Amino acid sequence: MATTYEGGCACSAVRFRLTSEPMFVHCCHCTECQRLTGSAFAISALIEADRVHILRGTPRARVLPADAGRTRTIFRCPDCGVALWSHHSDLGERVALVHTGTLDQGDELPPQAHCHTQSKLPWVMLPPGIHAAEAHYELDACWPASSLGRLDAALDA
């Protein structure tokens, strides 16, 4: 696996780099992620926001409602509209959820857990042995200790 990852939008107007491995990668099957991506799920690499460096362009932020009164801020290319990453109100602006499909090496970051499987489309098959939760997962149940430490440090900063 790489220690840095580069990615961008479909038209290449926005390019960015992750300057470290993500803390965790999950696949979310909630209906909001299905609607926002136009797909069956969203795969997100959770990383400290200060480790997302914009190389070219300026993503446009848009705040949208999320479940239970929360919000998510989605950063999109202003030209082609591709969603690059987001911030969720429960994690604040210090943690970015980068859409792995926008990464040049996204194939190197498979999901480590699946969440909101109660709304998973019936034809999606989960790999055996991977952590899966019907709703939100408990971080302590599947995140490595080093990643939990990074998350605590990011949220305390």
N, C-alpha and C. Protein backbone atom coordinates (compact mmCIF):
# COMPACT_ATOMS: atom_id res chain seq x y z
N MET A 1 0.83 -1.19 0.00
CA MET A 1 0.00 0.00 0.00
C MET A 1 0.87 1.25 0.00
N ALA A 2 0.37 2.26 -0.63
CA ALA A 2 1.08 3.53 -0.68
C ALA A 2 0.96 4.25 0.66
N THR A 3 1.84 5.19 0.90
CA THR A 3 1.70 6.03 2.10
C THR A 3 1.04 7.36 1.76
N THR A 4 1.01 7.69 0.48
CA THR A 4 0.25 8.85 0.03
C THR A 4 -0.63 8.40 -1.13
N TYR A 5 -1.73 9.10 -1.30
CA TYR A 5 -2.67 8.78 -2.37
C TYR A 5 -3.07 10.07 -3.04
N GLU A 6 -3.14 10.05 -4.36
CA GLU A 6 -3.63 11.22 -5.09
C GLU A 6 -4.95 10.88 -5.74
N GLY A 7 -5.74 11.91 -5.95
CA GLY A 7 -7.04 11.71 -6.57
C GLY A 7 -7.56 13.00 -7.16
N GLY A 8 -8.74 12.92 -7.71
CA GLY A 8 -9.34 14.10 -8.30
C GLY A 8 -10.69 13.80 -8.90
N CYS A 9 -11.23 14.80 -9.52
CA CYS A 9 -12.56 14.72 -10.12
C CYS A 9 -12.47 14.17 -11.54
N ALA A 10 -13.60 14.07 -12.21
CA ALA A 10 -13.66 13.51 -13.56
C ALA A 10 -13.02 14.42 -14.60
N CYS A 11 -13.10 15.73 -14.41
CA CYS A 11 -12.56 16.66 -15.41
C CYS A 11 -11.14 17.13 -15.10
N SER A 12 -10.59 16.69 -13.98
CA SER A 12 -9.23 17.02 -13.53
C SER A 12 -9.06 18.47 -13.09
N ALA A 13 -10.15 19.21 -12.93
CA ALA A 13 -10.03 20.58 -12.44
C ALA A 13 -9.58 20.62 -10.99
N VAL A 14 -9.95 19.59 -10.21
CA VAL A 14 -9.54 19.49 -8.81
C VAL A 14 -8.70 18.23 -8.64
N ARG A 15 -7.53 18.42 -8.07
CA ARG A 15 -6.64 17.30 -7.72
C ARG A 15 -6.25 17.49 -6.27
N PHE A 16 -6.06 16.37 -5.57
CA PHE A 16 -5.69 16.43 -4.15
C PHE A 16 -4.81 15.25 -3.80
N ARG A 17 -4.19 15.33 -2.63
CA ARG A 17 -3.31 14.27 -2.14
C ARG A 17 -3.65 13.99 -0.68
N LEU A 18 -3.72 12.72 -0.34
CA LEU A 18 -3.78 12.29 1.06
C LEU A 18 -2.34 12.04 1.47
N THR A 19 -1.91 12.67 2.56
CA THR A 19 -0.49 12.59 2.94
C THR A 19 -0.18 11.46 3.89
N SER A 20 -1.14 10.58 4.15
CA SER A 20 -0.88 9.40 4.96
C SER A 20 -1.93 8.34 4.63
N GLU A 21 -1.73 7.17 5.20
CA GLU A 21 -2.77 6.14 5.12
C GLU A 21 -4.01 6.68 5.82
N PRO A 22 -5.19 6.32 5.37
CA PRO A 22 -6.39 6.71 6.12
C PRO A 22 -6.45 6.00 7.46
N MET A 23 -7.25 6.56 8.36
CA MET A 23 -7.46 5.91 9.65
C MET A 23 -8.26 4.62 9.48
N PHE A 24 -9.24 4.66 8.58
CA PHE A 24 -10.13 3.52 8.40
C PHE A 24 -10.88 3.70 7.09
N VAL A 25 -11.28 2.61 6.48
CA VAL A 25 -12.08 2.64 5.26
C VAL A 25 -13.35 1.84 5.51
N HIS A 26 -14.49 2.47 5.26
CA HIS A 26 -15.74 1.73 5.43
C HIS A 26 -16.64 1.89 4.21
N CYS A 27 -17.57 0.97 4.10
CA CYS A 27 -18.56 0.98 3.04
C CYS A 27 -19.92 1.20 3.69
N CYS A 28 -20.57 2.29 3.33
CA CYS A 28 -21.86 2.64 3.92
C CYS A 28 -22.99 2.33 2.94
N HIS A 29 -23.97 1.61 3.43
CA HIS A 29 -25.12 1.20 2.62
C HIS A 29 -26.38 1.99 2.97
N CYS A 30 -26.26 3.10 3.70
CA CYS A 30 -27.46 3.86 4.08
C CYS A 30 -28.11 4.46 2.83
N THR A 31 -29.39 4.75 2.94
CA THR A 31 -30.11 5.29 1.79
C THR A 31 -29.62 6.68 1.41
N GLU A 32 -29.09 7.44 2.37
CA GLU A 32 -28.53 8.76 2.03
C GLU A 32 -27.32 8.61 1.14
N CYS A 33 -26.41 7.69 1.49
CA CYS A 33 -25.22 7.47 0.66
C CYS A 33 -25.62 6.93 -0.70
N GLN A 34 -26.63 6.07 -0.74
CA GLN A 34 -27.10 5.57 -2.03
C GLN A 34 -27.59 6.73 -2.90
N ARG A 35 -28.35 7.63 -2.30
CA ARG A 35 -28.90 8.75 -3.05
C ARG A 35 -27.79 9.74 -3.47
N LEU A 36 -26.87 10.03 -2.56
CA LEU A 36 -25.82 11.01 -2.85
C LEU A 36 -24.83 10.52 -3.91
N THR A 37 -24.60 9.20 -3.95
CA THR A 37 -23.65 8.67 -4.92
C THR A 37 -24.32 8.16 -6.19
N GLY A 38 -25.64 7.95 -6.13
CA GLY A 38 -26.32 7.36 -7.27
C GLY A 38 -25.92 5.91 -7.46
N SER A 39 -25.50 5.27 -6.38
CA SER A 39 -25.01 3.90 -6.44
C SER A 39 -25.57 3.10 -5.26
N ALA A 40 -25.10 1.87 -5.11
CA ALA A 40 -25.60 0.99 -4.06
C ALA A 40 -25.00 1.29 -2.70
N PHE A 41 -23.88 1.99 -2.68
CA PHE A 41 -23.18 2.28 -1.42
C PHE A 41 -22.12 3.34 -1.67
N ALA A 42 -21.50 3.80 -0.61
CA ALA A 42 -20.38 4.73 -0.70
C ALA A 42 -19.21 4.14 0.09
N ILE A 43 -18.03 4.14 -0.51
CA ILE A 43 -16.83 3.70 0.19
C ILE A 43 -16.03 4.95 0.53
N SER A 44 -15.76 5.12 1.82
CA SER A 44 -15.09 6.32 2.31
C SER A 44 -13.85 5.97 3.10
N ALA A 45 -12.79 6.71 2.83
CA ALA A 45 -11.55 6.61 3.60
C ALA A 45 -11.57 7.76 4.60
N LEU A 46 -11.60 7.43 5.89
CA LEU A 46 -11.63 8.45 6.94
C LEU A 46 -10.20 8.85 7.27
N ILE A 47 -9.93 10.15 7.19
CA ILE A 47 -8.59 10.67 7.39
C ILE A 47 -8.68 12.05 8.02
N GLU A 48 -7.65 12.43 8.74
CA GLU A 48 -7.60 13.77 9.31
C GLU A 48 -7.67 14.78 8.17
N ALA A 49 -8.51 15.80 8.32
CA ALA A 49 -8.72 16.78 7.25
C ALA A 49 -7.44 17.52 6.90
N ASP A 50 -6.54 17.71 7.87
CA ASP A 50 -5.30 18.42 7.55
C ASP A 50 -4.33 17.55 6.76
N ARG A 51 -4.70 16.31 6.48
CA ARG A 51 -3.89 15.42 5.65
C ARG A 51 -4.46 15.31 4.23
N VAL A 52 -5.47 16.12 3.93
CA VAL A 52 -6.01 16.24 2.58
C VAL A 52 -5.48 17.56 2.02
N HIS A 53 -4.57 17.47 1.06
CA HIS A 53 -3.94 18.66 0.49
C HIS A 53 -4.43 18.87 -0.94
N ILE A 54 -4.97 20.03 -1.19
CA ILE A 54 -5.45 20.36 -2.53
C ILE A 54 -4.25 20.74 -3.39
N LEU A 55 -4.11 20.06 -4.52
CA LEU A 55 -3.01 20.32 -5.45
C LEU A 55 -3.42 21.28 -6.56
N ARG A 56 -4.70 21.22 -6.94
CA ARG A 56 -5.19 22.08 -8.03
C ARG A 56 -6.69 22.29 -7.85
N GLY A 57 -7.13 23.49 -8.13
CA GLY A 57 -8.55 23.80 -8.09
C GLY A 57 -9.04 24.12 -6.69
N THR A 58 -10.30 24.48 -6.61
CA THR A 58 -10.93 24.81 -5.34
C THR A 58 -12.28 24.11 -5.27
N PRO A 59 -12.38 23.05 -4.46
CA PRO A 59 -13.67 22.37 -4.34
C PRO A 59 -14.72 23.31 -3.76
N ARG A 60 -15.96 23.09 -4.14
CA ARG A 60 -17.08 23.87 -3.63
C ARG A 60 -17.77 23.06 -2.53
N ALA A 61 -17.95 23.70 -1.38
CA ALA A 61 -18.60 23.04 -0.24
C ALA A 61 -20.10 23.29 -0.28
N ARG A 62 -20.85 22.25 0.03
CA ARG A 62 -22.30 22.38 0.10
C ARG A 62 -22.78 21.60 1.31
N VAL A 63 -23.53 22.27 2.19
CA VAL A 63 -24.05 21.64 3.40
C VAL A 63 -25.42 21.04 3.08
N LEU A 64 -25.56 19.75 3.42
CA LEU A 64 -26.81 19.04 3.19
C LEU A 64 -27.29 18.41 4.48
N PRO A 65 -28.59 18.24 4.64
CA PRO A 65 -29.08 17.56 5.84
C PRO A 65 -28.71 16.08 5.79
N ALA A 66 -28.47 15.52 6.96
CA ALA A 66 -28.21 14.09 7.09
C ALA A 66 -29.24 13.52 8.06
N ASP A 67 -29.05 12.29 8.48
CA ASP A 67 -30.02 11.67 9.38
C ASP A 67 -29.97 12.27 10.77
N ALA A 68 -31.04 12.12 11.50
CA ALA A 68 -31.14 12.51 12.92
C ALA A 68 -30.75 13.97 13.17
N GLY A 69 -31.07 14.86 12.23
CA GLY A 69 -30.81 16.28 12.43
C GLY A 69 -29.37 16.70 12.21
N ARG A 70 -28.54 15.79 11.79
CA ARG A 70 -27.14 16.13 11.54
C ARG A 70 -26.99 16.71 10.13
N THR A 71 -25.78 17.16 9.84
CA THR A 71 -25.49 17.68 8.50
C THR A 71 -24.22 17.03 7.97
N ARG A 72 -24.06 17.12 6.68
CA ARG A 72 -22.80 16.73 6.05
C ARG A 72 -22.44 17.82 5.06
N THR A 73 -21.18 18.16 5.02
CA THR A 73 -20.68 19.14 4.06
C THR A 73 -19.94 18.36 2.98
N ILE A 74 -20.43 18.45 1.77
CA ILE A 74 -19.84 17.70 0.66
C ILE A 74 -19.01 18.66 -0.18
N PHE A 75 -17.78 18.25 -0.46
CA PHE A 75 -16.86 19.04 -1.28
C PHE A 75 -16.85 18.45 -2.69
N ARG A 76 -17.25 19.27 -3.65
CA ARG A 76 -17.39 18.84 -5.04
C ARG A 76 -16.55 19.71 -5.96
N CYS A 77 -16.20 19.14 -7.10
CA CYS A 77 -15.58 19.95 -8.14
C CYS A 77 -16.61 20.96 -8.63
N PRO A 78 -16.25 22.25 -8.72
CA PRO A 78 -17.22 23.24 -9.18
C PRO A 78 -17.54 23.11 -10.67
N ASP A 79 -16.70 22.41 -11.41
CA ASP A 79 -16.93 22.27 -12.85
C ASP A 79 -17.74 21.02 -13.21
N CYS A 80 -17.28 19.84 -12.78
CA CYS A 80 -17.97 18.60 -13.16
C CYS A 80 -18.90 18.07 -12.08
N GLY A 81 -18.81 18.59 -10.86
CA GLY A 81 -19.73 18.23 -9.79
C GLY A 81 -19.42 16.95 -9.04
N VAL A 82 -18.31 16.30 -9.34
CA VAL A 82 -17.98 15.06 -8.63
C VAL A 82 -17.76 15.33 -7.15
N ALA A 83 -18.38 14.50 -6.31
CA ALA A 83 -18.18 14.59 -4.85
C ALA A 83 -16.83 13.96 -4.51
N LEU A 84 -15.96 14.73 -3.86
CA LEU A 84 -14.60 14.28 -3.56
C LEU A 84 -14.47 13.77 -2.13
N TRP A 85 -14.97 14.55 -1.19
CA TRP A 85 -14.95 14.15 0.22
C TRP A 85 -16.04 14.92 0.95
N SER A 86 -16.25 14.54 2.20
CA SER A 86 -17.26 15.22 3.01
C SER A 86 -16.80 15.31 4.45
N HIS A 87 -17.46 16.19 5.18
CA HIS A 87 -17.33 16.29 6.63
C HIS A 87 -18.71 16.02 7.20
N HIS A 88 -18.77 15.22 8.25
CA HIS A 88 -20.04 14.93 8.92
C HIS A 88 -20.08 15.67 10.24
N SER A 89 -21.23 16.21 10.58
CA SER A 89 -21.33 17.05 11.77
C SER A 89 -20.95 16.31 13.04
N ASP A 90 -21.14 14.99 13.09
CA ASP A 90 -20.76 14.28 14.31
C ASP A 90 -19.25 14.13 14.46
N LEU A 91 -18.49 14.28 13.38
CA LEU A 91 -17.02 14.24 13.44
C LEU A 91 -16.41 15.62 13.28
N GLY A 92 -17.17 16.58 12.84
CA GLY A 92 -16.66 17.94 12.68
C GLY A 92 -15.81 18.09 11.43
N GLU A 93 -15.14 19.22 11.36
CA GLU A 93 -14.34 19.56 10.18
C GLU A 93 -12.93 18.97 10.23
N ARG A 94 -12.60 18.29 11.30
CA ARG A 94 -11.23 17.77 11.44
C ARG A 94 -11.05 16.39 10.82
N VAL A 95 -12.15 15.77 10.43
CA VAL A 95 -12.09 14.44 9.81
C VAL A 95 -12.79 14.51 8.45
N ALA A 96 -12.09 14.05 7.42
CA ALA A 96 -12.66 14.00 6.07
C ALA A 96 -12.99 12.56 5.72
N LEU A 97 -14.11 12.38 5.05
CA LEU A 97 -14.49 11.08 4.49
C LEU A 97 -14.29 11.19 2.99
N VAL A 98 -13.16 10.67 2.53
CA VAL A 98 -12.78 10.78 1.12
C VAL A 98 -13.40 9.63 0.34
N HIS A 99 -14.07 9.95 -0.74
CA HIS A 99 -14.67 8.92 -1.60
C HIS A 99 -13.54 8.19 -2.32
N THR A 100 -13.36 6.91 -2.03
CA THR A 100 -12.21 6.18 -2.57
C THR A 100 -12.26 6.06 -4.09
N GLY A 101 -13.44 6.18 -4.68
CA GLY A 101 -13.54 6.14 -6.13
C GLY A 101 -12.89 7.32 -6.82
N THR A 102 -12.58 8.37 -6.07
CA THR A 102 -11.90 9.54 -6.64
C THR A 102 -10.38 9.41 -6.55
N LEU A 103 -9.89 8.37 -5.90
CA LEU A 103 -8.45 8.18 -5.73
C LEU A 103 -7.87 7.39 -6.90
N ASP A 104 -6.69 7.79 -7.34
CA ASP A 104 -6.01 7.07 -8.42
C ASP A 104 -5.71 5.64 -8.01
N GLN A 105 -5.44 5.43 -6.73
CA GLN A 105 -5.12 4.09 -6.22
C GLN A 105 -6.22 3.60 -5.28
N GLY A 106 -7.45 3.91 -5.57
CA GLY A 106 -8.55 3.50 -4.70
C GLY A 106 -8.66 2.00 -4.52
N ASP A 107 -8.15 1.24 -5.48
CA ASP A 107 -8.19 -0.21 -5.37
C ASP A 107 -7.32 -0.73 -4.24
N GLU A 108 -6.42 0.11 -3.73
CA GLU A 108 -5.55 -0.28 -2.63
C GLU A 108 -6.21 -0.08 -1.26
N LEU A 109 -7.43 0.45 -1.24
CA LEU A 109 -8.10 0.76 0.01
C LEU A 109 -9.47 0.07 0.09
N PRO A 110 -9.49 -1.25 0.22
CA PRO A 110 -10.77 -1.93 0.33
C PRO A 110 -11.44 -1.63 1.67
N PRO A 111 -12.76 -1.76 1.75
CA PRO A 111 -13.45 -1.50 3.02
C PRO A 111 -13.01 -2.48 4.11
N GLN A 112 -12.87 -1.92 5.31
CA GLN A 112 -12.54 -2.73 6.48
C GLN A 112 -13.80 -3.08 7.27
N ALA A 113 -14.90 -2.41 6.95
CA ALA A 113 -16.18 -2.67 7.61
C ALA A 113 -17.31 -2.16 6.71
N HIS A 114 -18.49 -2.70 6.94
CA HIS A 114 -19.70 -2.26 6.25
C HIS A 114 -20.69 -1.78 7.30
N CYS A 115 -21.34 -0.65 7.03
CA CYS A 115 -22.33 -0.14 7.97
C CYS A 115 -23.66 0.09 7.26
N HIS A 116 -24.70 0.19 8.05
CA HIS A 116 -26.08 0.39 7.57
C HIS A 116 -26.50 -0.72 6.61
N THR A 117 -26.13 -1.93 6.97
CA THR A 117 -26.48 -3.06 6.10
C THR A 117 -27.98 -3.37 6.10
N GLN A 118 -28.74 -2.79 7.05
CA GLN A 118 -30.19 -3.02 7.02
C GLN A 118 -30.81 -2.40 5.78
N SER A 119 -30.14 -1.42 5.16
CA SER A 119 -30.66 -0.83 3.93
C SER A 119 -29.82 -1.21 2.71
N LYS A 120 -28.97 -2.22 2.88
CA LYS A 120 -28.16 -2.74 1.78
C LYS A 120 -29.10 -3.29 0.71
N LEU A 121 -28.79 -3.03 -0.54
CA LEU A 121 -29.59 -3.59 -1.62
C LEU A 121 -29.43 -5.11 -1.61
N PRO A 122 -30.50 -5.84 -1.88
CA PRO A 122 -30.47 -7.29 -1.68
C PRO A 122 -29.47 -8.04 -2.56
N TRP A 123 -29.08 -7.47 -3.68
CA TRP A 123 -28.14 -8.15 -4.56
C TRP A 123 -26.68 -7.85 -4.23
N VAL A 124 -26.42 -6.99 -3.25
CA VAL A 124 -25.05 -6.72 -2.82
C VAL A 124 -24.63 -7.81 -1.84
N MET A 125 -23.54 -8.48 -2.14
CA MET A 125 -23.02 -9.55 -1.28
C MET A 125 -21.80 -9.04 -0.52
N LEU A 126 -21.81 -9.22 0.79
CA LEU A 126 -20.68 -8.80 1.61
C LEU A 126 -19.66 -9.93 1.68
N PRO A 127 -18.38 -9.58 1.69
CA PRO A 127 -17.36 -10.62 1.79
C PRO A 127 -17.41 -11.29 3.16
N PRO A 128 -17.17 -12.59 3.22
CA PRO A 128 -17.19 -13.27 4.52
C PRO A 128 -16.07 -12.76 5.42
N GLY A 129 -16.36 -12.73 6.71
CA GLY A 129 -15.34 -12.37 7.69
C GLY A 129 -15.14 -10.88 7.92
N ILE A 130 -15.83 -10.02 7.17
CA ILE A 130 -15.66 -8.58 7.37
C ILE A 130 -16.70 -8.09 8.38
N HIS A 131 -16.32 -7.10 9.17
CA HIS A 131 -17.24 -6.54 10.17
C HIS A 131 -18.40 -5.86 9.44
N ALA A 132 -19.62 -6.18 9.84
CA ALA A 132 -20.81 -5.58 9.24
C ALA A 132 -21.78 -5.23 10.36
N ALA A 133 -22.35 -4.02 10.26
CA ALA A 133 -23.30 -3.55 11.27
C ALA A 133 -24.58 -3.11 10.58
N GLU A 134 -25.72 -3.43 11.19
CA GLU A 134 -27.00 -3.05 10.61
C GLU A 134 -27.20 -1.55 10.58
N ALA A 135 -26.60 -0.82 11.51
CA ALA A 135 -26.67 0.65 11.55
C ALA A 135 -25.23 1.16 11.65
N HIS A 136 -25.00 2.14 12.53
CA HIS A 136 -23.63 2.59 12.76
C HIS A 136 -22.87 1.48 13.46
N TYR A 137 -21.59 1.34 13.17
CA TYR A 137 -20.78 0.36 13.88
C TYR A 137 -20.10 1.02 15.06
N GLU A 138 -19.73 0.21 16.02
CA GLU A 138 -18.95 0.69 17.17
C GLU A 138 -17.50 0.73 16.74
N LEU A 139 -16.90 1.90 16.85
CA LEU A 139 -15.50 2.05 16.42
C LEU A 139 -14.59 1.07 17.14
N ASP A 140 -14.81 0.89 18.43
CA ASP A 140 -13.96 -0.02 19.21
C ASP A 140 -14.03 -1.46 18.70
N ALA A 141 -15.10 -1.80 18.01
CA ALA A 141 -15.28 -3.17 17.54
C ALA A 141 -14.45 -3.49 16.30
N CYS A 142 -14.05 -2.46 15.55
CA CYS A 142 -13.37 -2.77 14.29
C CYS A 142 -12.20 -1.86 13.94
N TRP A 143 -12.08 -0.70 14.55
CA TRP A 143 -10.96 0.18 14.23
C TRP A 143 -9.70 -0.30 14.97
N PRO A 144 -8.55 -0.26 14.31
CA PRO A 144 -7.29 -0.55 15.01
C PRO A 144 -7.04 0.50 16.10
N ALA A 145 -6.33 0.09 17.15
CA ALA A 145 -6.04 1.01 18.26
C ALA A 145 -5.30 2.25 17.76
N SER A 146 -4.38 2.08 16.82
CA SER A 146 -3.63 3.24 16.32
C SER A 146 -4.56 4.23 15.62
N SER A 147 -5.56 3.75 14.92
CA SER A 147 -6.51 4.63 14.25
C SER A 147 -7.42 5.33 15.25
N LEU A 148 -7.82 4.62 16.30
CA LEU A 148 -8.61 5.26 17.36
C LEU A 148 -7.82 6.38 18.01
N GLY A 149 -6.52 6.18 18.21
CA GLY A 149 -5.66 7.23 18.75
C GLY A 149 -5.57 8.43 17.83
N ARG A 150 -5.45 8.17 16.53
CA ARG A 150 -5.42 9.27 15.56
C ARG A 150 -6.74 10.04 15.57
N LEU A 151 -7.85 9.32 15.65
CA LEU A 151 -9.16 9.98 15.67
C LEU A 151 -9.30 10.85 16.91
N ASP A 152 -8.93 10.31 18.06
CA ASP A 152 -8.99 11.09 19.30
C ASP A 152 -8.14 12.35 19.19
N ALA A 153 -6.93 12.22 18.65
CA ALA A 153 -6.04 13.38 18.50
C ALA A 153 -6.65 14.41 17.55
N ALA A 154 -7.27 13.97 16.47
CA ALA A 154 -7.88 14.89 15.51
C ALA A 154 -9.05 15.63 16.14
N LEU A 155 -9.87 14.92 16.88
CA LEU A 155 -11.05 15.54 17.48
C LEU A 155 -10.69 16.45 18.64
N ASP A 156 -9.56 16.18 19.30
CA ASP A 156 -9.12 17.02 20.42
C ASP A 156 -8.34 18.24 19.97
N ALA A 157 -7.91 18.26 18.70
CA ALA A 157 -7.05 19.36 18.21
C ALA A 157 -7.79 20.68 18.20
